[in-house]
Amino acid sequence: MTITLVNLFLTLIILVFGIWVYAKKKSDIALYIGIAFGLFALTHLFTLANLAAMLSILIIILRLAAYGLVLFALYRILAK
């Protein structure tokens, strides 16, 4: 539980920071990374709420989407 709580806290910080950087610099990449970590935060919330077993498929989908967004953001940097 402690690890999940720490992960939730850190992912929320990255979400807020990603939105902040997007607002200041209009960086789509920062927004994509922020949203990805927001999705990770949701999965941590589900785990803390003891919903992980019931929502396991949704958690897998959310995490795949989050990893996909990070990969897409990195690709955007590479393609520049």
N, C-alpha and C. Protein backbone atom coordinates (compact mmCIF):
# COMPACT_ATOMS: atom_id res chain seq x y z
N MET A 1 0.82 -1.20 0.00
CA MET A 1 0.00 0.00 0.00
C MET A 1 0.87 1.27 0.00
N THR A 2 1.94 1.26 0.78
CA THR A 2 2.81 2.44 0.84
C THR A 2 3.42 2.74 -0.51
N ILE A 3 3.87 1.72 -1.21
CA ILE A 3 4.48 1.91 -2.53
C ILE A 3 3.45 2.49 -3.50
N THR A 4 2.25 1.98 -3.46
CA THR A 4 1.20 2.47 -4.35
C THR A 4 0.86 3.92 -4.03
N LEU A 5 0.84 4.27 -2.76
CA LEU A 5 0.56 5.65 -2.36
C LEU A 5 1.67 6.60 -2.84
N VAL A 6 2.91 6.17 -2.70
CA VAL A 6 4.04 6.98 -3.19
C VAL A 6 3.95 7.11 -4.71
N ASN A 7 3.65 6.02 -5.41
CA ASN A 7 3.50 6.07 -6.87
C ASN A 7 2.37 7.03 -7.27
N LEU A 8 1.25 6.98 -6.55
CA LEU A 8 0.13 7.88 -6.83
C LEU A 8 0.59 9.33 -6.68
N PHE A 9 1.25 9.63 -5.59
CA PHE A 9 1.72 10.99 -5.33
C PHE A 9 2.66 11.47 -6.43
N LEU A 10 3.61 10.63 -6.82
CA LEU A 10 4.58 11.02 -7.85
C LEU A 10 3.93 11.18 -9.22
N THR A 11 3.00 10.30 -9.54
CA THR A 11 2.34 10.41 -10.85
C THR A 11 1.48 11.67 -10.91
N LEU A 12 0.86 12.04 -9.79
CA LEU A 12 0.07 13.27 -9.78
C LEU A 12 0.96 14.50 -9.93
N ILE A 13 2.14 14.47 -9.33
CA ILE A 13 3.09 15.58 -9.49
C ILE A 13 3.48 15.72 -10.96
N ILE A 14 3.76 14.58 -11.62
CA ILE A 14 4.15 14.62 -13.03
C ILE A 14 2.98 15.09 -13.90
N LEU A 15 1.77 14.68 -13.57
CA LEU A 15 0.58 15.14 -14.30
C LEU A 15 0.47 16.66 -14.21
N VAL A 16 0.55 17.20 -13.00
CA VAL A 16 0.44 18.65 -12.81
C VAL A 16 1.58 19.37 -13.51
N PHE A 17 2.79 18.85 -13.37
CA PHE A 17 3.94 19.48 -14.01
C PHE A 17 3.81 19.45 -15.53
N GLY A 18 3.33 18.35 -16.08
CA GLY A 18 3.12 18.26 -17.53
C GLY A 18 2.11 19.28 -18.03
N ILE A 19 1.03 19.46 -17.29
CA ILE A 19 0.02 20.46 -17.66
C ILE A 19 0.60 21.87 -17.53
N TRP A 20 1.38 22.10 -16.49
CA TRP A 20 2.00 23.41 -16.27
C TRP A 20 2.97 23.75 -17.40
N VAL A 21 3.82 22.79 -17.77
CA VAL A 21 4.77 23.03 -18.86
C VAL A 21 4.02 23.28 -20.16
N TYR A 22 2.94 22.53 -20.39
CA TYR A 22 2.15 22.76 -21.60
C TYR A 22 1.58 24.18 -21.60
N ALA A 23 1.06 24.63 -20.46
CA ALA A 23 0.49 25.96 -20.38
C ALA A 23 1.53 27.05 -20.61
N LYS A 24 2.74 26.83 -20.11
CA LYS A 24 3.81 27.83 -20.24
C LYS A 24 4.49 27.79 -21.61
N LYS A 25 4.77 26.60 -22.11
CA LYS A 25 5.59 26.45 -23.32
C LYS A 25 4.82 25.92 -24.52
N LYS A 26 3.55 25.59 -24.35
CA LYS A 26 2.73 25.00 -25.41
C LYS A 26 3.39 23.75 -25.99
N SER A 27 3.98 22.94 -25.12
CA SER A 27 4.66 21.71 -25.53
C SER A 27 3.68 20.55 -25.49
N ASP A 28 3.30 20.09 -26.67
CA ASP A 28 2.41 18.93 -26.75
C ASP A 28 3.04 17.72 -26.07
N ILE A 29 4.34 17.59 -26.18
CA ILE A 29 5.04 16.45 -25.61
C ILE A 29 4.87 16.42 -24.10
N ALA A 30 5.00 17.57 -23.46
CA ALA A 30 4.80 17.65 -22.01
C ALA A 30 3.38 17.26 -21.64
N LEU A 31 2.42 17.69 -22.46
CA LEU A 31 1.02 17.35 -22.20
C LEU A 31 0.79 15.84 -22.33
N TYR A 32 1.35 15.23 -23.37
CA TYR A 32 1.20 13.79 -23.56
C TYR A 32 1.77 13.02 -22.36
N ILE A 33 2.94 13.43 -21.92
CA ILE A 33 3.56 12.76 -20.78
C ILE A 33 2.74 12.98 -19.52
N GLY A 34 2.24 14.20 -19.33
CA GLY A 34 1.39 14.48 -18.18
C GLY A 34 0.13 13.63 -18.18
N ILE A 35 -0.52 13.54 -19.32
CA ILE A 35 -1.74 12.73 -19.43
C ILE A 35 -1.42 11.26 -19.16
N ALA A 36 -0.30 10.79 -19.71
CA ALA A 36 0.09 9.39 -19.48
C ALA A 36 0.23 9.11 -17.99
N PHE A 37 0.89 10.01 -17.29
CA PHE A 37 1.05 9.79 -15.85
C PHE A 37 -0.26 9.98 -15.10
N GLY A 38 -1.16 10.77 -15.64
CA GLY A 38 -2.51 10.86 -15.08
C GLY A 38 -3.23 9.52 -15.19
N LEU A 39 -3.03 8.83 -16.30
CA LEU A 39 -3.62 7.50 -16.46
C LEU A 39 -3.01 6.52 -15.47
N PHE A 40 -1.68 6.61 -15.28
CA PHE A 40 -1.04 5.77 -14.27
C PHE A 40 -1.62 6.08 -12.88
N ALA A 41 -1.87 7.36 -12.60
CA ALA A 41 -2.44 7.75 -11.31
C ALA A 41 -3.80 7.09 -11.10
N LEU A 42 -4.61 7.05 -12.16
CA LEU A 42 -5.92 6.38 -12.05
C LEU A 42 -5.77 4.92 -11.65
N THR A 43 -4.81 4.25 -12.26
CA THR A 43 -4.63 2.83 -11.93
C THR A 43 -4.18 2.66 -10.48
N HIS A 44 -3.38 3.60 -9.99
CA HIS A 44 -2.96 3.54 -8.58
C HIS A 44 -4.16 3.80 -7.65
N LEU A 45 -5.02 4.73 -8.06
CA LEU A 45 -6.24 4.98 -7.26
C LEU A 45 -7.12 3.73 -7.19
N PHE A 46 -7.27 3.07 -8.33
CA PHE A 46 -8.07 1.83 -8.34
C PHE A 46 -7.47 0.79 -7.42
N THR A 47 -6.15 0.70 -7.41
CA THR A 47 -5.48 -0.26 -6.54
C THR A 47 -5.69 0.09 -5.07
N LEU A 48 -5.54 1.37 -4.75
CA LEU A 48 -5.73 1.80 -3.35
C LEU A 48 -7.17 1.62 -2.89
N ALA A 49 -8.11 1.70 -3.81
CA ALA A 49 -9.53 1.53 -3.48
C ALA A 49 -9.94 0.06 -3.49
N ASN A 50 -8.97 -0.82 -3.59
CA ASN A 50 -9.22 -2.27 -3.63
C ASN A 50 -10.14 -2.67 -4.79
N LEU A 51 -9.99 -1.99 -5.90
CA LEU A 51 -10.78 -2.30 -7.09
C LEU A 51 -9.94 -2.98 -8.18
N ALA A 52 -8.68 -3.25 -7.88
CA ALA A 52 -7.77 -3.78 -8.89
C ALA A 52 -8.25 -5.12 -9.45
N ALA A 53 -8.74 -5.99 -8.59
CA ALA A 53 -9.18 -7.31 -9.06
C ALA A 53 -10.40 -7.18 -9.96
N MET A 54 -11.32 -6.30 -9.58
CA MET A 54 -12.54 -6.13 -10.34
C MET A 54 -12.31 -5.38 -11.66
N LEU A 55 -11.32 -4.49 -11.67
CA LEU A 55 -11.08 -3.65 -12.84
C LEU A 55 -9.76 -3.98 -13.54
N SER A 56 -9.33 -5.23 -13.43
CA SER A 56 -8.01 -5.58 -13.95
C SER A 56 -7.88 -5.33 -15.45
N ILE A 57 -8.91 -5.61 -16.23
CA ILE A 57 -8.85 -5.38 -17.68
C ILE A 57 -8.74 -3.88 -17.96
N LEU A 58 -9.53 -3.07 -17.25
CA LEU A 58 -9.47 -1.62 -17.42
C LEU A 58 -8.09 -1.09 -17.03
N ILE A 59 -7.52 -1.60 -15.96
CA ILE A 59 -6.20 -1.17 -15.53
C ILE A 59 -5.15 -1.50 -16.60
N ILE A 60 -5.25 -2.68 -17.18
CA ILE A 60 -4.32 -3.07 -18.25
C ILE A 60 -4.46 -2.12 -19.44
N ILE A 61 -5.69 -1.81 -19.82
CA ILE A 61 -5.94 -0.91 -20.95
C ILE A 61 -5.39 0.48 -20.65
N LEU A 62 -5.65 0.99 -19.45
CA LEU A 62 -5.16 2.32 -19.09
C LEU A 62 -3.64 2.38 -19.08
N ARG A 63 -3.01 1.34 -18.55
CA ARG A 63 -1.54 1.33 -18.52
C ARG A 63 -0.96 1.20 -19.92
N LEU A 64 -1.56 0.39 -20.76
CA LEU A 64 -1.10 0.29 -22.15
C LEU A 64 -1.23 1.63 -22.86
N ALA A 65 -2.35 2.31 -22.64
CA ALA A 65 -2.55 3.63 -23.24
C ALA A 65 -1.50 4.62 -22.72
N ALA A 66 -1.21 4.57 -21.43
CA ALA A 66 -0.22 5.47 -20.85
C ALA A 66 1.17 5.21 -21.42
N TYR A 67 1.57 3.95 -21.47
CA TYR A 67 2.87 3.63 -22.07
C TYR A 67 2.90 4.04 -23.54
N GLY A 68 1.80 3.85 -24.23
CA GLY A 68 1.72 4.26 -25.63
C GLY A 68 1.89 5.76 -25.79
N LEU A 69 1.29 6.55 -24.89
CA LEU A 69 1.45 8.00 -24.95
C LEU A 69 2.90 8.42 -24.71
N VAL A 70 3.55 7.77 -23.76
CA VAL A 70 4.97 8.09 -23.50
C VAL A 70 5.80 7.73 -24.73
N LEU A 71 5.55 6.58 -25.32
CA LEU A 71 6.27 6.20 -26.54
C LEU A 71 6.02 7.19 -27.67
N PHE A 72 4.78 7.62 -27.80
CA PHE A 72 4.43 8.60 -28.84
C PHE A 72 5.16 9.92 -28.59
N ALA A 73 5.20 10.36 -27.34
CA ALA A 73 5.91 11.61 -27.00
C ALA A 73 7.39 11.50 -27.34
N LEU A 74 7.99 10.36 -27.01
CA LEU A 74 9.40 10.16 -27.33
C LEU A 74 9.62 10.11 -28.84
N TYR A 75 8.70 9.50 -29.56
CA TYR A 75 8.80 9.47 -31.01
C TYR A 75 8.73 10.88 -31.59
N ARG A 76 7.84 11.71 -31.02
CA ARG A 76 7.72 13.10 -31.48
C ARG A 76 9.04 13.85 -31.29
N ILE A 77 9.72 13.59 -30.17
CA ILE A 77 11.02 14.22 -29.94
C ILE A 77 12.02 13.73 -30.97
N LEU A 78 12.04 12.43 -31.21
CA LEU A 78 12.97 11.84 -32.17
C LEU A 78 12.73 12.33 -33.59
N ALA A 79 11.47 12.52 -33.94
CA ALA A 79 11.11 12.90 -35.31
C ALA A 79 11.41 14.37 -35.62
N LYS A 80 11.70 15.16 -34.60
CA LYS A 80 11.98 16.59 -34.85
C LYS A 80 13.28 16.78 -35.58
